[in-house]
Protein backbone atom coordinates (compact mmCIF):
# COMPACT_ATOMS: atom_id res chain seq x y z
CA MET A 1 4.25 45.10 35.36
CA ALA A 2 2.31 42.93 32.93
CA GLY A 3 1.18 40.69 35.78
CA PHE A 4 0.06 43.67 37.85
CA GLY A 5 -1.81 45.05 34.84
CA THR A 6 -3.65 41.76 34.46
CA LEU A 7 -4.50 41.74 38.17
CA HIS A 8 -5.64 45.37 38.01
CA HIS A 9 -7.96 44.72 35.07
CA ALA A 10 -9.42 41.55 36.58
CA ALA A 11 -10.00 43.10 40.02
CA LEU A 12 -11.99 46.00 38.59
CA GLU A 13 -14.21 43.97 36.26
CA PRO A 14 -17.90 44.07 37.21
CA GLY A 15 -18.96 41.27 39.52
CA ALA A 16 -20.93 41.45 42.75
CA LEU A 17 -19.82 45.11 42.74
CA ASP A 18 -19.87 47.22 39.60
CA THR A 19 -16.72 48.90 38.32
CA ARG A 20 -17.82 52.35 39.59
CA HIS A 21 -18.04 51.10 43.17
CA LYS A 22 -14.75 49.21 42.88
CA GLU A 23 -13.04 52.36 41.60
CA LEU A 24 -14.46 54.38 44.52
CA ILE A 25 -13.02 51.76 46.88
CA ALA A 26 -9.67 51.93 45.10
CA LEU A 27 -9.76 55.73 45.41
CA ALA A 28 -10.48 55.43 49.14
CA ILE A 29 -7.47 53.17 49.56
CA GLY A 30 -5.30 55.56 47.54
CA ILE A 31 -6.37 58.43 49.80
CA SER A 32 -5.76 56.33 52.92
CA ARG A 33 -2.31 55.31 51.69
CA GLN A 34 -1.53 58.93 50.70
CA CYS A 35 -0.62 57.90 47.15
CA ILE A 36 -0.91 60.88 44.78
CA GLY A 37 -0.49 58.72 41.68
CA CYS A 38 -3.21 56.34 42.89
CA ILE A 39 -5.56 59.26 43.58
CA ALA A 40 -5.02 60.74 40.11
CA SER A 41 -5.43 57.39 38.37
CA HIS A 42 -8.51 56.31 40.29
CA VAL A 43 -10.25 59.70 40.09
CA GLN A 44 -9.87 59.44 36.31
CA SER A 45 -11.16 55.87 36.39
CA CYS A 46 -14.05 56.89 38.66
CA ILE A 47 -15.05 59.56 36.14
CA GLU A 48 -14.84 57.04 33.28
CA ALA A 49 -16.99 54.61 35.30
CA GLY A 50 -19.65 57.31 35.77
CA ALA A 51 -18.96 58.46 39.33
CA SER A 52 -20.16 61.95 40.21
CA ARG A 53 -18.36 64.57 42.24
CA ALA A 54 -20.88 63.92 45.02
CA GLU A 55 -19.93 60.22 45.08
CA ILE A 56 -16.26 61.12 45.27
CA ALA A 57 -16.99 63.64 48.04
CA GLU A 58 -18.83 60.96 50.05
CA THR A 59 -15.90 58.60 49.51
CA VAL A 60 -13.61 61.33 50.87
CA ASN A 61 -15.93 61.77 53.87
CA VAL A 62 -15.66 58.08 54.75
CA CYS A 63 -11.87 58.29 54.39
CA VAL A 64 -11.77 61.24 56.78
CA LEU A 65 -13.96 59.34 59.25
CA MET A 66 -11.61 56.37 59.16
CA GLY A 67 -8.29 58.16 58.54
CA GLY A 68 -8.50 61.53 60.28
CA GLY A 69 -6.51 64.60 59.24
CA PRO A 70 -4.21 62.93 56.71
CA ALA A 71 -7.23 61.53 54.88
CA LEU A 72 -8.73 65.03 54.80
CA VAL A 73 -5.61 66.47 53.15
CA TYR A 74 -5.43 63.71 50.53
CA GLY A 75 -9.21 63.67 50.08
CA ILE A 76 -9.05 67.33 49.08
CA LYS A 77 -6.45 66.33 46.49
CA ALA A 78 -8.96 63.80 45.07
CA LEU A 79 -11.63 66.51 44.77
CA GLU A 80 -9.14 68.88 43.14
CA ALA A 81 -8.23 66.13 40.67
CA TYR A 82 -11.91 65.58 39.85
CA ASP A 83 -12.41 69.32 39.24
CA ALA A 84 -9.30 69.54 37.06
CA LEU A 85 -10.23 66.45 35.03
CA THR A 86 -13.81 67.59 34.41
CA ALA A 87 -13.14 71.31 33.78
């Protein structure tokens, strides 16, 4: 777990992409992989990195384009998580 934590931190550090964009990518992968824990974690991290609901909604839209119906169902979960975390 310590090694994964180190990898996680290093991968999301700003570089050619800023942390907000990297978190949106991580959220998209969590939606695509249908991982509820990943969605919850990365929505929270997206919020902390300054992502708006509109940015998360566009991320969900791209996931639906690429992943079809399952991405729609899990994308809705990401938007519900955003609403719950910012209420």
